[in-house]
Amino acid sequence: MDAIECMKTRRSIRTFVDKPIPRAVVEDIVECGRLAATANNLQPWVFIAVEEPLLRKQIADVTDYGKFIARAPVCIAVFCSNTKYFLEDGSAATQNILNAARAHGLGSCWVAGHQKNYAGRVRDMLGVPDSHLLVSLVALGQATEEPDPAKKGLAEVLHWDRYTARFSR
């Protein structure tokens, strides 16, 4: 799949086929995450690929909007050491993971992690040191849905040289 098509067609998927993802595919997806843009090339991230069903359920149970993680074959937890730009770096890695999943024909959904009341509990469940902060949880699997939500048009979001008030939703 061409990169532009991948980015234009990626959608958040919350329902998955009950079928495992080959580890080689998960590794390639995480490889794309680790190659993301990073401030000062610090690469502060660590990734935990959670396949164990009970552990995914425990993670899902503590989230507010990630209950579907329990039904995804894999959840990738993105953590970063507490560097100046950890949130930007971890978010870039997360977006690469989402796009790589799409390129592999898989569905994915980003679940927030940073500053959520469950971030410390997820870190403890996964045995990650306190020096690392949860940036995101990404559910991965073969999609059972093809959502096509309305997106704002380019004319609604693009301004040239200066912001100009036009219309809003």
C-alpha atoms as a PDB file:
ATOM      1  CA  MET A   1       0.000   0.000   0.000  1.00  0.00           C
ATOM      2  CA  ASP A   2       1.270   3.448  -0.941  1.00  0.00           C
ATOM      3  CA  ALA A   3       2.056   5.694   2.073  1.00  0.00           C
ATOM      4  CA  ILE A   4      -0.354   8.458   1.058  1.00  0.00           C
ATOM      5  CA  GLU A   5      -3.204   5.987   0.554  1.00  0.00           C
ATOM      6  CA  CYS A   6      -2.374   4.435   3.920  1.00  0.00           C
ATOM      7  CA  MET A   7      -2.645   7.766   5.729  1.00  0.00           C
ATOM      8  CA  LYS A   8      -5.801   8.790   3.879  1.00  0.00           C
ATOM      9  CA  THR A   9      -7.625   5.516   4.560  1.00  0.00           C
ATOM     10  CA  ARG A  10      -6.537   4.701   8.127  1.00  0.00           C
ATOM     11  CA  ARG A  11      -9.472   4.687  10.558  1.00  0.00           C
ATOM     12  CA  SER A  12      -9.914   3.804  14.221  1.00  0.00           C
ATOM     13  CA  ILE A  13     -11.072   0.208  14.532  1.00  0.00           C
ATOM     14  CA  ARG A  14     -12.625  -1.114  17.731  1.00  0.00           C
ATOM     15  CA  THR A  15     -13.895  -4.553  16.703  1.00  0.00           C
ATOM     16  CA  PHE A  16     -11.590  -7.357  15.678  1.00  0.00           C
ATOM     17  CA  VAL A  17     -11.597 -10.906  14.373  1.00  0.00           C
ATOM     18  CA  ASP A  18     -10.551 -13.417  17.040  1.00  0.00           C
ATOM     19  CA  LYS A  19      -7.397 -14.416  15.179  1.00  0.00           C
ATOM     20  CA  PRO A  20      -3.776 -13.995  16.317  1.00  0.00           C
ATOM     21  CA  ILE A  21      -1.376 -11.662  14.538  1.00  0.00           C
ATOM     22  CA  PRO A  22       1.919 -13.295  13.547  1.00  0.00           C
ATOM     23  CA  ARG A  23       4.755 -12.060  15.740  1.00  0.00           C
ATOM     24  CA  ALA A  24       6.775 -11.103  12.651  1.00  0.00           C
ATOM     25  CA  VAL A  25       3.978  -8.679  11.693  1.00  0.00           C
ATOM     26  CA  VAL A  26       3.845  -7.210  15.213  1.00  0.00           C
ATOM     27  CA  GLU A  27       7.626  -6.830  15.157  1.00  0.00           C
ATOM     28  CA  ASP A  28       7.476  -5.004  11.809  1.00  0.00           C
ATOM     29  CA  ILE A  29       4.766  -2.681  13.123  1.00  0.00           C
ATOM     30  CA  VAL A  30       6.806  -1.874  16.245  1.00  0.00           C
ATOM     31  CA  GLU A  31       9.905  -1.464  14.050  1.00  0.00           C
ATOM     32  CA  CYS A  32       8.036   1.332  12.285  1.00  0.00           C
ATOM     33  CA  GLY A  33       7.231   2.865  15.663  1.00  0.00           C
ATOM     34  CA  ARG A  34      10.849   2.811  16.792  1.00  0.00           C
ATOM     35  CA  LEU A  35      11.903   4.561  13.573  1.00  0.00           C
ATOM     36  CA  ALA A  36       9.630   7.558  14.236  1.00  0.00           C
ATOM     37  CA  ALA A  37      10.826  11.126  14.442  1.00  0.00           C
ATOM     38  CA  THR A  38      12.344  11.907  17.841  1.00  0.00           C
ATOM     39  CA  ALA A  39      13.689  15.114  19.395  1.00  0.00           C
ATOM     40  CA  ASN A  40      17.489  15.117  19.528  1.00  0.00           C
ATOM     41  CA  ASN A  41      17.386  11.456  18.446  1.00  0.00           C
ATOM     42  CA  LEU A  42      16.799  10.467  22.082  1.00  0.00           C
ATOM     43  CA  GLN A  43      14.473   7.585  21.153  1.00  0.00           C
ATOM     44  CA  PRO A  44      12.992   7.507  24.683  1.00  0.00           C
ATOM     45  CA  TRP A  45      10.465   4.755  23.906  1.00  0.00           C
ATOM     46  CA  VAL A  46       9.863   1.194  24.922  1.00  0.00           C
ATOM     47  CA  PHE A  47       7.039  -0.892  23.493  1.00  0.00           C
ATOM     48  CA  ILE A  48       5.226  -3.752  25.206  1.00  0.00           C
ATOM     49  CA  ALA A  49       3.276  -6.049  22.863  1.00  0.00           C
ATOM     50  CA  VAL A  50       0.578  -7.642  25.007  1.00  0.00           C
ATOM     51  CA  GLU A  51      -0.832 -10.884  23.595  1.00  0.00           C
ATOM     52  CA  GLU A  52      -1.939 -12.575  26.829  1.00  0.00           C
ATOM     53  CA  PRO A  53      -5.787 -12.407  26.935  1.00  0.00           C
ATOM     54  CA  LEU A  54      -6.098 -12.013  30.716  1.00  0.00           C
ATOM     55  CA  LEU A  55      -3.547  -9.201  30.776  1.00  0.00           C
ATOM     56  CA  ARG A  56      -5.306  -7.403  27.880  1.00  0.00           C
ATOM     57  CA  LYS A  57      -8.592  -7.718  29.791  1.00  0.00           C
ATOM     58  CA  GLN A  58      -7.012  -6.269  32.937  1.00  0.00           C
ATOM     59  CA  ILE A  59      -5.682  -3.327  30.920  1.00  0.00           C
ATOM     60  CA  ALA A  60      -9.046  -2.839  29.220  1.00  0.00           C
ATOM     61  CA  ASP A  61     -10.865  -2.934  32.552  1.00  0.00           C
ATOM     62  CA  VAL A  62      -8.900  -0.010  34.002  1.00  0.00           C
ATOM     63  CA  THR A  63      -9.272   2.251  30.951  1.00  0.00           C
ATOM     64  CA  ASP A  64     -12.162   4.609  30.455  1.00  0.00           C
ATOM     65  CA  TYR A  65     -12.486   4.344  26.647  1.00  0.00           C
ATOM     66  CA  GLY A  66     -10.428   1.247  25.823  1.00  0.00           C
ATOM     67  CA  LYS A  67     -12.688  -1.655  26.802  1.00  0.00           C
ATOM     68  CA  PHE A  68     -12.251  -3.133  23.288  1.00  0.00           C
ATOM     69  CA  ILE A  69      -8.569  -3.819  24.072  1.00  0.00           C
ATOM     70  CA  ALA A  70      -9.757  -7.033  25.726  1.00  0.00           C
ATOM     71  CA  ARG A  71     -11.015  -8.297  22.356  1.00  0.00           C
ATOM     72  CA  ALA A  72      -8.009  -7.236  20.269  1.00  0.00           C
ATOM     73  CA  PRO A  73      -5.407  -9.936  19.552  1.00  0.00           C
ATOM     74  CA  VAL A  74      -2.590  -7.557  20.524  1.00  0.00           C
ATOM     75  CA  CYS A  75      -2.269  -4.321  22.458  1.00  0.00           C
ATOM     76  CA  ILE A  76       0.916  -2.327  22.061  1.00  0.00           C
ATOM     77  CA  ALA A  77       1.685  -0.124  25.046  1.00  0.00           C
ATOM     78  CA  VAL A  78       3.938   2.816  24.199  1.00  0.00           C
ATOM     79  CA  PHE A  79       6.032   4.136  27.074  1.00  0.00           C
ATOM     80  CA  CYS A  80       8.732   6.808  27.050  1.00  0.00           C
ATOM     81  CA  SER A  81      11.345   7.808  29.567  1.00  0.00           C
ATOM     82  CA  ASN A  82      10.600  11.201  31.064  1.00  0.00           C
ATOM     83  CA  THR A  83      12.518  13.381  28.605  1.00  0.00           C
ATOM     84  CA  LYS A  84      11.630  16.943  27.616  1.00  0.00           C
ATOM     85  CA  TYR A  85       9.745  15.859  24.478  1.00  0.00           C
ATOM     86  CA  PHE A  86       8.566  12.374  25.521  1.00  0.00           C
ATOM     87  CA  LEU A  87       4.944  13.080  24.601  1.00  0.00           C
ATOM     88  CA  GLU A  88       5.784  14.295  21.105  1.00  0.00           C
ATOM     89  CA  ASP A  89       8.199  11.410  20.546  1.00  0.00           C
ATOM     90  CA  GLY A  90       5.779   8.791  21.855  1.00  0.00           C
ATOM     91  CA  SER A  91       2.945  10.263  19.804  1.00  0.00           C
ATOM     92  CA  ALA A  92       5.042  10.141  16.643  1.00  0.00           C
ATOM     93  CA  ALA A  93       5.866   6.495  17.364  1.00  0.00           C
ATOM     94  CA  THR A  94       2.186   5.764  17.992  1.00  0.00           C
ATOM     95  CA  GLN A  95       1.141   7.319  14.689  1.00  0.00           C
ATOM     96  CA  ASN A  96       3.758   5.254  12.873  1.00  0.00           C
ATOM     97  CA  ILE A  97       2.344   2.144  14.561  1.00  0.00           C
ATOM     98  CA  LEU A  98      -1.184   3.033  13.416  1.00  0.00           C
ATOM     99  CA  ASN A  99      -0.036   3.573   9.841  1.00  0.00           C
ATOM    100  CA  ALA A 100       2.076   0.405   9.812  1.00  0.00           C
ATOM    101  CA  ALA A 101      -0.907  -1.603  11.052  1.00  0.00           C
ATOM    102  CA  ARG A 102      -2.987  -0.214   8.190  1.00  0.00           C
ATOM    103  CA  ALA A 103      -0.225  -1.013   5.695  1.00  0.00           C
ATOM    104  CA  HIS A 104      -0.295  -4.615   6.979  1.00  0.00           C
ATOM    105  CA  GLY A 105      -4.054  -4.752   6.418  1.00  0.00           C
ATOM    106  CA  LEU A 106      -4.847  -4.582  10.123  1.00  0.00           C
ATOM    107  CA  GLY A 107      -7.138  -2.345  12.113  1.00  0.00           C
ATOM    108  CA  SER A 108      -5.961  -0.348  15.093  1.00  0.00           C
ATOM    109  CA  CYS A 109      -7.152   2.214  17.600  1.00  0.00           C
ATOM    110  CA  TRP A 110      -5.186   4.638  19.753  1.00  0.00           C
ATOM    111  CA  VAL A 111      -6.253   4.768  23.407  1.00  0.00           C
ATOM    112  CA  ALA A 112      -4.917   7.684  25.424  1.00  0.00           C
ATOM    113  CA  GLY A 113      -2.418   6.995  28.169  1.00  0.00           C
ATOM    114  CA  HIS A 114      -0.648  10.174  29.213  1.00  0.00           C
ATOM    115  CA  GLN A 115      -2.139  11.809  32.308  1.00  0.00           C
ATOM    116  CA  LYS A 116      -4.914   9.231  32.527  1.00  0.00           C
ATOM    117  CA  ASN A 117      -5.722   7.983  36.024  1.00  0.00           C
ATOM    118  CA  TYR A 118      -4.899   4.418  34.926  1.00  0.00           C
ATOM    119  CA  ALA A 119      -1.426   5.146  33.492  1.00  0.00           C
ATOM    120  CA  GLY A 120       0.421   4.068  36.649  1.00  0.00           C
ATOM    121  CA  ARG A 121      -1.658   0.910  37.011  1.00  0.00           C
ATOM    122  CA  VAL A 122      -0.922  -0.113  33.408  1.00  0.00           C
ATOM    123  CA  ARG A 123       2.773   0.587  33.964  1.00  0.00           C
ATOM    124  CA  ASP A 124       2.720  -1.622  37.082  1.00  0.00           C
ATOM    125  CA  MET A 125       0.771  -4.425  35.333  1.00  0.00           C
ATOM    126  CA  LEU A 126       3.412  -4.528  32.603  1.00  0.00           C
ATOM    127  CA  GLY A 127       6.411  -4.264  34.931  1.00  0.00           C
ATOM    128  CA  VAL A 128       7.669  -1.020  33.394  1.00  0.00           C
ATOM    129  CA  PRO A 129       9.961   1.105  35.614  1.00  0.00           C
ATOM    130  CA  ASP A 130       8.560   4.269  37.209  1.00  0.00           C
ATOM    131  CA  SER A 131      11.028   6.260  35.093  1.00  0.00           C
ATOM    132  CA  HIS A 132       8.777   5.647  32.057  1.00  0.00           C
ATOM    133  CA  LEU A 133       5.433   7.269  31.287  1.00  0.00           C
ATOM    134  CA  LEU A 134       2.545   5.712  29.394  1.00  0.00           C
ATOM    135  CA  VAL A 135       1.895   7.601  26.163  1.00  0.00           C
ATOM    136  CA  SER A 136      -0.629   5.326  24.478  1.00  0.00           C
ATOM    137  CA  LEU A 137      -2.215   1.929  24.145  1.00  0.00           C
ATOM    138  CA  VAL A 138      -2.824   0.660  20.610  1.00  0.00           C
ATOM    139  CA  ALA A 139      -5.270  -2.172  19.972  1.00  0.00           C
ATOM    140  CA  LEU A 140      -4.365  -4.226  16.890  1.00  0.00           C
ATOM    141  CA  GLY A 141      -6.198  -6.871  14.932  1.00  0.00           C
ATOM    142  CA  GLN A 142      -7.968  -7.863  11.773  1.00  0.00           C
ATOM    143  CA  ALA A 143     -10.902  -5.461  11.480  1.00  0.00           C
ATOM    144  CA  THR A 144     -14.516  -6.564  11.441  1.00  0.00           C
ATOM    145  CA  GLU A 145     -15.681  -3.092  10.453  1.00  0.00           C
ATOM    146  CA  GLU A 146     -14.861  -0.421   7.889  1.00  0.00           C
ATOM    147  CA  PRO A 147     -15.947   2.870   9.425  1.00  0.00           C
ATOM    148  CA  ASP A 148     -16.016   5.943   7.239  1.00  0.00           C
ATOM    149  CA  PRO A 149     -16.600   8.873   9.594  1.00  0.00           C
ATOM    150  CA  ALA A 150     -17.071  12.347   8.167  1.00  0.00           C
ATOM    151  CA  LYS A 151     -13.860  14.336   8.137  1.00  0.00           C
ATOM    152  CA  LYS A 152     -13.538  18.090   7.889  1.00  0.00           C
ATOM    153  CA  GLY A 153     -12.687  19.284   4.404  1.00  0.00           C
ATOM    154  CA  LEU A 154      -9.300  20.764   3.600  1.00  0.00           C
ATOM    155  CA  ALA A 155     -10.828  24.224   3.099  1.00  0.00           C
ATOM    156  CA  GLU A 156     -12.091  24.098   6.704  1.00  0.00           C
ATOM    157  CA  VAL A 157      -8.673  23.505   8.243  1.00  0.00           C
ATOM    158  CA  LEU A 158      -6.048  24.992   5.917  1.00  0.00           C
ATOM    159  CA  HIS A 159      -5.083  28.658   6.134  1.00  0.00           C
ATOM    160  CA  TRP A 160      -2.370  30.353   4.103  1.00  0.00           C
ATOM    161  CA  ASP A 161       0.001  32.796   5.802  1.00  0.00           C
ATOM    162  CA  ARG A 162      -2.474  33.813   8.550  1.00  0.00           C
ATOM    163  CA  TYR A 163      -5.540  32.474  10.250  1.00  0.00           C
ATOM    164  CA  THR A 164      -8.736  33.768   8.677  1.00  0.00           C
ATOM    165  CA  ALA A 165     -12.128  33.238  10.302  1.00  0.00           C
ATOM    166  CA  ARG A 166     -14.429  31.400   7.918  1.00  0.00           C
ATOM    167  CA  PHE A 167     -16.819  28.916   9.409  1.00  0.00           C
ATOM    168  CA  SER A 168     -16.712  26.252  12.018  1.00  0.00           C
ATOM    169  CA  ARG A 169     -18.568  23.060  12.876  1.00  0.00           C
END
